[in-house]
PDB file of N, CA and C in Angstrom:
ATOM      1  N   MET A   1     -12.813  19.338  -5.040  1.00  0.00           N
ATOM      2  CA  MET A   1     -12.263  19.075  -3.722  1.00  0.00           C
ATOM      3  C   MET A   1     -13.153  18.070  -3.009  1.00  0.00           C
ATOM      4  N   ALA A   2     -12.553  17.117  -2.381  1.00  0.00           N
ATOM      5  CA  ALA A   2     -13.290  16.073  -1.684  1.00  0.00           C
ATOM      6  C   ALA A   2     -13.807  16.581  -0.342  1.00  0.00           C
ATOM      7  N   SER A   3     -14.855  15.957   0.122  1.00  0.00           N
ATOM      8  CA  SER A   3     -15.467  16.390   1.371  1.00  0.00           C
ATOM      9  C   SER A   3     -14.748  15.771   2.573  1.00  0.00           C
ATOM     10  N   THR A   4     -15.035  16.327   3.729  1.00  0.00           N
ATOM     11  CA  THR A   4     -14.453  15.822   4.965  1.00  0.00           C
ATOM     12  C   THR A   4     -14.943  14.403   5.247  1.00  0.00           C
ATOM     13  N   LYS A   5     -16.196  14.111   4.891  1.00  0.00           N
ATOM     14  CA  LYS A   5     -16.734  12.766   5.101  1.00  0.00           C
ATOM     15  C   LYS A   5     -15.952  11.735   4.291  1.00  0.00           C
ATOM     16  N   LEU A   6     -15.589  12.092   3.069  1.00  0.00           N
ATOM     17  CA  LEU A   6     -14.812  11.170   2.241  1.00  0.00           C
ATOM     18  C   LEU A   6     -13.446  10.905   2.855  1.00  0.00           C
ATOM     19  N   TYR A   7     -12.776  11.964   3.307  1.00  0.00           N
ATOM     20  CA  TYR A   7     -11.463  11.784   3.930  1.00  0.00           C
ATOM     21  C   TYR A   7     -11.568  10.973   5.217  1.00  0.00           C
ATOM     22  N   ALA A   8     -12.614  11.184   5.985  1.00  0.00           N
ATOM     23  CA  ALA A   8     -12.811  10.411   7.214  1.00  0.00           C
ATOM     24  C   ALA A   8     -13.057   8.942   6.881  1.00  0.00           C
ATOM     25  N   ALA A   9     -13.840   8.675   5.846  1.00  0.00           N
ATOM     26  CA  ALA A   9     -14.107   7.294   5.438  1.00  0.00           C
ATOM     27  C   ALA A   9     -12.827   6.617   4.963  1.00  0.00           C
ATOM     28  N   ILE A  10     -12.017   7.334   4.209  1.00  0.00           N
ATOM     29  CA  ILE A  10     -10.748   6.777   3.735  1.00  0.00           C
ATOM     30  C   ILE A  10      -9.823   6.493   4.915  1.00  0.00           C
ATOM     31  N   TYR A  11      -9.812   7.397   5.881  1.00  0.00           N
ATOM     32  CA  TYR A  11      -8.999   7.185   7.083  1.00  0.00           C
ATOM     33  C   TYR A  11      -9.435   5.915   7.811  1.00  0.00           C
ATOM     34  N   VAL A  12     -10.724   5.723   7.959  1.00  0.00           N
ATOM     35  CA  VAL A  12     -11.237   4.529   8.637  1.00  0.00           C
ATOM     36  C   VAL A  12     -10.862   3.270   7.847  1.00  0.00           C
ATOM     37  N   ILE A  13     -10.987   3.319   6.536  1.00  0.00           N
ATOM     38  CA  ILE A  13     -10.620   2.168   5.705  1.00  0.00           C
ATOM     39  C   ILE A  13      -9.134   1.847   5.862  1.00  0.00           C
ATOM     40  N   LEU A  14      -8.287   2.871   5.830  1.00  0.00           N
ATOM     41  CA  LEU A  14      -6.850   2.646   6.007  1.00  0.00           C
ATOM     42  C   LEU A  14      -6.550   2.068   7.383  1.00  0.00           C
ATOM     43  N   PHE A  15      -7.259   2.537   8.392  1.00  0.00           N
ATOM     44  CA  PHE A  15      -7.072   2.024   9.749  1.00  0.00           C
ATOM     45  C   PHE A  15      -7.459   0.553   9.839  1.00  0.00           C
ATOM     46  N   VAL A  16      -8.567   0.193   9.220  1.00  0.00           N
ATOM     47  CA  VAL A  16      -9.032  -1.195   9.232  1.00  0.00           C
ATOM     48  C   VAL A  16      -8.043  -2.102   8.494  1.00  0.00           C
ATOM     49  N   VAL A  17      -7.534  -1.648   7.362  1.00  0.00           N
ATOM     50  CA  VAL A  17      -6.575  -2.461   6.603  1.00  0.00           C
ATOM     51  C   VAL A  17      -5.270  -2.616   7.385  1.00  0.00           C
ATOM     52  N   ALA A  18      -4.827  -1.554   8.053  1.00  0.00           N
ATOM     53  CA  ALA A  18      -3.612  -1.657   8.870  1.00  0.00           C
ATOM     54  C   ALA A  18      -3.820  -2.623  10.021  1.00  0.00           C
ATOM     55  N   THR A  19      -4.997  -2.598  10.622  1.00  0.00           N
ATOM     56  CA  THR A  19      -5.307  -3.539  11.692  1.00  0.00           C
ATOM     57  C   THR A  19      -5.331  -4.974  11.161  1.00  0.00           C
ATOM     58  N   ALA A  20      -5.869  -5.164   9.964  1.00  0.00           N
ATOM     59  CA  ALA A  20      -5.890  -6.491   9.348  1.00  0.00           C
ATOM     60  C   ALA A  20      -4.465  -6.986   9.106  1.00  0.00           C
ATOM     61  N   GLN A  21      -3.562  -6.098   8.749  1.00  0.00           N
ATOM     62  CA  GLN A  21      -2.173  -6.497   8.542  1.00  0.00           C
ATOM     63  C   GLN A  21      -1.539  -6.983   9.849  1.00  0.00           C
ATOM     64  N   VAL A  22      -1.828  -6.300  10.936  1.00  0.00           N
ATOM     65  CA  VAL A  22      -1.281  -6.711  12.224  1.00  0.00           C
ATOM     66  C   VAL A  22      -1.872  -8.053  12.651  1.00  0.00           C
ATOM     67  N   VAL A  23      -3.161  -8.235  12.420  1.00  0.00           N
ATOM     68  CA  VAL A  23      -3.803  -9.508  12.760  1.00  0.00           C
ATOM     69  C   VAL A  23      -3.221 -10.631  11.903  1.00  0.00           C
ATOM     70  N   LEU A  24      -2.983 -10.374  10.629  1.00  0.00           N
ATOM     71  CA  LEU A  24      -2.372 -11.383   9.761  1.00  0.00           C
ATOM     72  C   LEU A  24      -0.993 -11.793  10.268  1.00  0.00           C
ATOM     73  N   GLU A  25      -0.272 -10.824  10.794  1.00  0.00           N
ATOM     74  CA  GLU A  25       1.063 -11.124  11.285  1.00  0.00           C
ATOM     75  C   GLU A  25       1.022 -12.086  12.471  1.00  0.00           C
ATOM     76  N   GLU A  26      -0.070 -12.085  13.211  1.00  0.00           N
ATOM     77  CA  GLU A  26      -0.209 -12.996  14.338  1.00  0.00           C
ATOM     78  C   GLU A  26      -0.286 -14.450  13.876  1.00  0.00           C
ATOM     79  N   PHE A  27      -0.753 -14.674  12.651  1.00  0.00           N
ATOM     80  CA  PHE A  27      -0.859 -16.025  12.112  1.00  0.00           C
ATOM     81  C   PHE A  27       0.412 -16.458  11.388  1.00  0.00           C
ATOM     82  N   LEU A  28       1.459 -15.677  11.512  1.00  0.00           N
ATOM     83  CA  LEU A  28       2.700 -15.931  10.787  1.00  0.00           C
ATOM     84  C   LEU A  28       3.430 -17.135  11.381  1.00  0.00           C
ATOM     85  N   THR A  29       3.490 -18.193  10.595  1.00  0.00           N
ATOM     86  CA  THR A  29       4.291 -19.360  10.945  1.00  0.00           C
ATOM     87  C   THR A  29       5.117 -19.719   9.717  1.00  0.00           C
ATOM     88  N   GLU A  30       6.018 -20.648   9.864  1.00  0.00           N
ATOM     89  CA  GLU A  30       6.868 -21.022   8.724  1.00  0.00           C
ATOM     90  C   GLU A  30       6.074 -21.614   7.576  1.00  0.00           C
ATOM     91  N   GLU A  31       4.994 -22.324   7.907  1.00  0.00           N
ATOM     92  CA  GLU A  31       4.223 -22.985   6.860  1.00  0.00           C
ATOM     93  C   GLU A  31       3.490 -22.003   5.955  1.00  0.00           C
ATOM     94  N   VAL A  32       3.014 -20.907   6.515  1.00  0.00           N
ATOM     95  CA  VAL A  32       2.205 -19.960   5.736  1.00  0.00           C
ATOM     96  C   VAL A  32       2.909 -18.611   5.563  1.00  0.00           C
ATOM     97  N   TYR A  33       4.217 -18.590   5.740  1.00  0.00           N
ATOM     98  CA  TYR A  33       4.961 -17.332   5.684  1.00  0.00           C
ATOM     99  C   TYR A  33       4.721 -16.587   4.379  1.00  0.00           C
ATOM    100  N   TRP A  34       4.858 -17.255   3.256  1.00  0.00           N
ATOM    101  CA  TRP A  34       4.763 -16.563   1.966  1.00  0.00           C
ATOM    102  C   TRP A  34       3.335 -16.135   1.651  1.00  0.00           C
ATOM    103  N   ILE A  35       2.362 -16.870   2.136  1.00  0.00           N
ATOM    104  CA  ILE A  35       0.966 -16.468   1.929  1.00  0.00           C
ATOM    105  C   ILE A  35       0.676 -15.192   2.707  1.00  0.00           C
ATOM    106  N   VAL A  36       1.090 -15.166   3.968  1.00  0.00           N
ATOM    107  CA  VAL A  36       0.876 -13.973   4.795  1.00  0.00           C
ATOM    108  C   VAL A  36       1.694 -12.805   4.251  1.00  0.00           C
ATOM    109  N   PHE A  37       2.914 -13.068   3.846  1.00  0.00           N
ATOM    110  CA  PHE A  37       3.755 -12.019   3.271  1.00  0.00           C
ATOM    111  C   PHE A  37       3.104 -11.431   2.021  1.00  0.00           C
ATOM    112  N   GLY A  38       2.588 -12.282   1.150  1.00  0.00           N
ATOM    113  CA  GLY A  38       1.911 -11.808  -0.059  1.00  0.00           C
ATOM    114  C   GLY A  38       0.673 -10.995   0.262  1.00  0.00           C
ATOM    115  N   ALA A  39      -0.111 -11.436   1.248  1.00  0.00           N
ATOM    116  CA  ALA A  39      -1.321 -10.695   1.632  1.00  0.00           C
ATOM    117  C   ALA A  39      -0.962  -9.324   2.195  1.00  0.00           C
ATOM    118  N   ILE A  40       0.073  -9.277   3.021  1.00  0.00           N
ATOM    119  CA  ILE A  40       0.491  -7.994   3.591  1.00  0.00           C
ATOM    120  C   ILE A  40       1.004  -7.060   2.491  1.00  0.00           C
ATOM    121  N   MET A  41       1.722  -7.602   1.512  1.00  0.00           N
ATOM    122  CA  MET A  41       2.200  -6.773   0.399  1.00  0.00           C
ATOM    123  C   MET A  41       1.037  -6.233  -0.430  1.00  0.00           C
ATOM    124  N   VAL A  42       0.017  -7.053  -0.659  1.00  0.00           N
ATOM    125  CA  VAL A  42      -1.160  -6.599  -1.413  1.00  0.00           C
ATOM    126  C   VAL A  42      -1.876  -5.495  -0.640  1.00  0.00           C
ATOM    127  N   PHE A  43      -2.051  -5.689   0.667  1.00  0.00           N
ATOM    128  CA  PHE A  43      -2.686  -4.654   1.488  1.00  0.00           C
ATOM    129  C   PHE A  43      -1.872  -3.365   1.468  1.00  0.00           C
ATOM    130  N   SER A  44      -0.546  -3.492   1.563  1.00  0.00           N
ATOM    131  CA  SER A  44       0.309  -2.299   1.562  1.00  0.00           C
ATOM    132  C   SER A  44       0.221  -1.559   0.233  1.00  0.00           C
ATOM    133  N   PHE A  45       0.194  -2.291  -0.860  1.00  0.00           N
ATOM    134  CA  PHE A  45       0.065  -1.677  -2.176  1.00  0.00           C
ATOM    135  C   PHE A  45      -1.276  -0.957  -2.301  1.00  0.00           C
ATOM    136  N   ALA A  46      -2.334  -1.586  -1.830  1.00  0.00           N
ATOM    137  CA  ALA A  46      -3.663  -0.964  -1.893  1.00  0.00           C
ATOM    138  C   ALA A  46      -3.701   0.310  -1.051  1.00  0.00           C
ATOM    139  N   LYS A  47      -3.103   0.271   0.134  1.00  0.00           N
ATOM    140  CA  LYS A  47      -3.074   1.466   0.979  1.00  0.00           C
ATOM    141  C   LYS A  47      -2.273   2.578   0.312  1.00  0.00           C
ATOM    142  N   ALA A  48      -1.160   2.231  -0.300  1.00  0.00           N
ATOM    143  CA  ALA A  48      -0.348   3.245  -0.980  1.00  0.00           C
ATOM    144  C   ALA A  48      -1.115   3.890  -2.133  1.00  0.00           C
ATOM    145  N   MET A  49      -1.877   3.090  -2.863  1.00  0.00           N
ATOM    146  CA  MET A  49      -2.673   3.637  -3.970  1.00  0.00           C
ATOM    147  C   MET A  49      -3.769   4.572  -3.465  1.00  0.00           C
ATOM    148  N   VAL A  50      -4.401   4.211  -2.365  1.00  0.00           N
ATOM    149  CA  VAL A  50      -5.449   5.069  -1.798  1.00  0.00           C
ATOM    150  C   VAL A  50      -4.849   6.377  -1.299  1.00  0.00           C
ATOM    151  N   VAL A  51      -3.728   6.292  -0.606  1.00  0.00           N
ATOM    152  CA  VAL A  51      -3.077   7.508  -0.096  1.00  0.00           C
ATOM    153  C   VAL A  51      -2.636   8.395  -1.253  1.00  0.00           C
ATOM    154  N   ALA A  52      -2.022   7.816  -2.273  1.00  0.00           N
ATOM    155  CA  ALA A  52      -1.570   8.600  -3.419  1.00  0.00           C
ATOM    156  C   ALA A  52      -2.750   9.188  -4.174  1.00  0.00           C
ATOM    157  N   GLY A  53      -3.805   8.431  -4.322  1.00  0.00           N
ATOM    158  CA  GLY A  53      -4.941   8.896  -5.094  1.00  0.00           C
ATOM    159  C   GLY A  53      -5.725  10.000  -4.419  1.00  0.00           C
ATOM    160  N   TYR A  54      -5.962   9.866  -3.129  1.00  0.00           N
ATOM    161  CA  TYR A  54      -6.826  10.830  -2.441  1.00  0.00           C
ATOM    162  C   TYR A  54      -6.052  11.872  -1.656  1.00  0.00           C
ATOM    163  N   PHE A  55      -5.121  11.447  -0.791  1.00  0.00           N
ATOM    164  CA  PHE A  55      -4.432  12.415   0.050  1.00  0.00           C
ATOM    165  C   PHE A  55      -3.368  13.205  -0.713  1.00  0.00           C
ATOM    166  N   MET A  56      -2.797  12.626  -1.761  1.00  0.00           N
ATOM    167  CA  MET A  56      -1.839  13.360  -2.580  1.00  0.00           C
ATOM    168  C   MET A  56      -2.508  13.938  -3.822  1.00  0.00           C
ATOM    169  N   HIS A  57      -3.809  13.746  -3.939  1.00  0.00           N
ATOM    170  CA  HIS A  57      -4.644  14.330  -4.996  1.00  0.00           C
ATOM    171  C   HIS A  57      -4.210  13.937  -6.410  1.00  0.00           C
ATOM    172  N   LEU A  58      -3.681  12.738  -6.582  1.00  0.00           N
ATOM    173  CA  LEU A  58      -3.269  12.302  -7.917  1.00  0.00           C
ATOM    174  C   LEU A  58      -4.462  12.018  -8.817  1.00  0.00           C
ATOM    175  N   ARG A  59      -5.627  11.785  -8.233  1.00  0.00           N
ATOM    176  CA  ARG A  59      -6.821  11.553  -9.047  1.00  0.00           C
ATOM    177  C   ARG A  59      -7.207  12.812  -9.825  1.00  0.00           C
ATOM    178  N   GLU A  60      -6.818  13.980  -9.309  1.00  0.00           N
ATOM    179  CA  GLU A  60      -7.172  15.240  -9.950  1.00  0.00           C
ATOM    180  C   GLU A  60      -6.063  15.796 -10.835  1.00  0.00           C
ATOM    181  N   GLU A  61      -4.912  15.156 -10.838  1.00  0.00           N
ATOM    182  CA  GLU A  61      -3.768  15.637 -11.608  1.00  0.00           C
ATOM    183  C   GLU A  61      -3.802  15.071 -13.031  1.00  0.00           C
ATOM    184  N   PRO A  62      -3.050  15.691 -13.940  1.00  0.00           N
ATOM    185  CA  PRO A  62      -2.931  15.106 -15.282  1.00  0.00           C
ATOM    186  C   PRO A  62      -2.275  13.724 -15.222  1.00  0.00           C
ATOM    187  N   ARG A  63      -2.562  12.892 -16.167  1.00  0.00           N
ATOM    188  CA  ARG A  63      -2.044  11.521 -16.183  1.00  0.00           C
ATOM    189  C   ARG A  63      -0.519  11.480 -16.202  1.00  0.00           C
ATOM    190  N   SER A  64       0.122  12.457 -16.791  1.00  0.00           N
ATOM    191  CA  SER A  64       1.589  12.441 -16.850  1.00  0.00           C
ATOM    192  C   SER A  64       2.202  12.481 -15.448  1.00  0.00           C
ATOM    193  N   VAL A  65       1.587  13.223 -14.536  1.00  0.00           N
ATOM    194  CA  VAL A  65       2.085  13.272 -13.158  1.00  0.00           C
ATOM    195  C   VAL A  65       1.896  11.910 -12.489  1.00  0.00           C
ATOM    196  N   SER A  66       0.772  11.268 -12.776  1.00  0.00           N
ATOM    197  CA  SER A  66       0.526   9.934 -12.215  1.00  0.00           C
ATOM    198  C   SER A  66       1.545   8.930 -12.735  1.00  0.00           C
ATOM    199  N   TYR A  67       1.913   9.040 -14.002  1.00  0.00           N
ATOM    200  CA  TYR A  67       2.903   8.131 -14.567  1.00  0.00           C
ATOM    201  C   TYR A  67       4.270   8.325 -13.922  1.00  0.00           C
ATOM    202  N   VAL A  68       4.636   9.556 -13.626  1.00  0.00           N
ATOM    203  CA  VAL A  68       5.909   9.821 -12.955  1.00  0.00           C
ATOM    204  C   VAL A  68       5.885   9.197 -11.561  1.00  0.00           C
ATOM    205  N   MET A  69       4.747   9.314 -10.865  1.00  0.00           N
ATOM    206  CA  MET A  69       4.618   8.703  -9.546  1.00  0.00           C
ATOM    207  C   MET A  69       4.705   7.178  -9.638  1.00  0.00           C
ATOM    208  N   LEU A  70       4.122   6.593 -10.693  1.00  0.00           N
ATOM    209  CA  LEU A  70       4.183   5.140 -10.862  1.00  0.00           C
ATOM    210  C   LEU A  70       5.607   4.660 -11.108  1.00  0.00           C
ATOM    211  N   ILE A  71       6.376   5.434 -11.847  1.00  0.00           N
ATOM    212  CA  ILE A  71       7.778   5.075 -12.069  1.00  0.00           C
ATOM    213  C   ILE A  71       8.519   5.042 -10.737  1.00  0.00           C
ATOM    214  N   GLY A  72       8.283   6.043  -9.899  1.00  0.00           N
ATOM    215  CA  GLY A  72       8.895   6.063  -8.567  1.00  0.00           C
ATOM    216  C   GLY A  72       8.433   4.905  -7.705  1.00  0.00           C
ATOM    217  N   LEU A  73       7.152   4.572  -7.800  1.00  0.00           N
ATOM    218  CA  LEU A  73       6.609   3.450  -7.035  1.00  0.00           C
ATOM    219  C   LEU A  73       7.248   2.135  -7.452  1.00  0.00           C
ATOM    220  N   PHE A  74       7.356   1.910  -8.753  1.00  0.00           N
ATOM    221  CA  PHE A  74       7.981   0.674  -9.221  1.00  0.00           C
ATOM    222  C   PHE A  74       9.466   0.630  -8.875  1.00  0.00           C
ATOM    223  N   GLY A  75      10.124   1.779  -8.870  1.00  0.00           N
ATOM    224  CA  GLY A  75      11.524   1.824  -8.445  1.00  0.00           C
ATOM    225  C   GLY A  75      11.675   1.445  -6.983  1.00  0.00           C
ATOM    226  N   ALA A  76      10.796   1.981  -6.137  1.00  0.00           N
ATOM    227  CA  ALA A  76      10.835   1.640  -4.716  1.00  0.00           C
ATOM    228  C   ALA A  76      10.511   0.169  -4.506  1.00  0.00           C
ATOM    229  N   LEU A  77       9.567  -0.349  -5.270  1.00  0.00           N
ATOM    230  CA  LEU A  77       9.219  -1.765  -5.171  1.00  0.00           C
ATOM    231  C   LEU A  77      10.395  -2.649  -5.591  1.00  0.00           C
ATOM    232  N   ALA A  78      11.080  -2.259  -6.647  1.00  0.00           N
ATOM    233  CA  ALA A  78      12.250  -3.022  -7.100  1.00  0.00           C
ATOM    234  C   ALA A  78      13.337  -3.026  -6.041  1.00  0.00           C
ATOM    235  N   LEU A  79      13.571  -1.893  -5.397  1.00  0.00           N
ATOM    236  CA  LEU A  79      14.578  -1.839  -4.342  1.00  0.00           C
ATOM    237  C   LEU A  79      14.170  -2.681  -3.144  1.00  0.00           C
ATOM    238  N   THR A  80      12.875  -2.687  -2.814  1.00  0.00           N
ATOM    239  CA  THR A  80      12.390  -3.495  -1.701  1.00  0.00           C
ATOM    240  C   THR A  80      12.562  -4.981  -1.996  1.00  0.00           C
ATOM    241  N   ILE A  81      12.236  -5.388  -3.215  1.00  0.00           N
ATOM    242  CA  ILE A  81      12.399  -6.786  -3.591  1.00  0.00           C
ATOM    243  C   ILE A  81      13.878  -7.172  -3.571  1.00  0.00           C
ATOM    244  N   ALA A  82      14.739  -6.290  -4.057  1.00  0.00           N
ATOM    245  CA  ALA A  82      16.170  -6.581  -4.047  1.00  0.00           C
ATOM    246  C   ALA A  82      16.699  -6.689  -2.611  1.00  0.00           C
ATOM    247  N   ALA A  83      16.226  -5.826  -1.725  1.00  0.00           N
ATOM    248  CA  ALA A  83      16.654  -5.903  -0.332  1.00  0.00           C
ATOM    249  C   ALA A  83      16.140  -7.175   0.325  1.00  0.00           C
ATOM    250  N   ALA A  84      14.892  -7.547   0.021  1.00  0.00           N
ATOM    251  CA  ALA A  84      14.341  -8.776   0.588  1.00  0.00           C
ATOM    252  C   ALA A  84      15.101  -9.990   0.074  1.00  0.00           C
ATOM    253  N   TYR A  85      15.470  -9.964  -1.194  1.00  0.00           N
ATOM    254  CA  TYR A  85      16.224 -11.078  -1.767  1.00  0.00           C
ATOM    255  C   TYR A  85      17.596 -11.215  -1.088  1.00  0.00           C
ATOM    256  N   SER A  86      18.240 -10.096  -0.803  1.00  0.00           N
ATOM    257  CA  SER A  86      19.564 -10.167  -0.182  1.00  0.00           C
ATOM    258  C   SER A  86      19.470 -10.614   1.272  1.00  0.00           C
ATOM    259  N   ILE A  87      18.347 -10.339   1.933  1.00  0.00           N
ATOM    260  CA  ILE A  87      18.187 -10.767   3.325  1.00  0.00           C
ATOM    261  C   ILE A  87      17.903 -12.252   3.383  1.00  0.00           C
ATOM    262  N   LEU A  88      17.054 -12.727   2.475  1.00  0.00           N
ATOM    263  CA  LEU A  88      16.686 -14.156   2.497  1.00  0.00           C
ATOM    264  C   LEU A  88      17.803 -14.943   1.895  1.00  0.00           C
TER     265      LEU A  88
END
């Protein structure tokens, strides 16, 4: 079981990354749209991995459970990309 200090540190890291995403959005112009979009997607993926690994305790589960979660993650990512494609 992880300590409270570890969970607090992870919370602070997630907060900082979320703040960085909002700051990145302030620089959003047509010229750098895809760069900012890519950076925000990378940050979001990293945050999702941290949340799944620590708060959902996937680091302590058997690998088969992690693989099932990855299948769901890739499915959600595919749907997000398809929705973004239909909007653009």
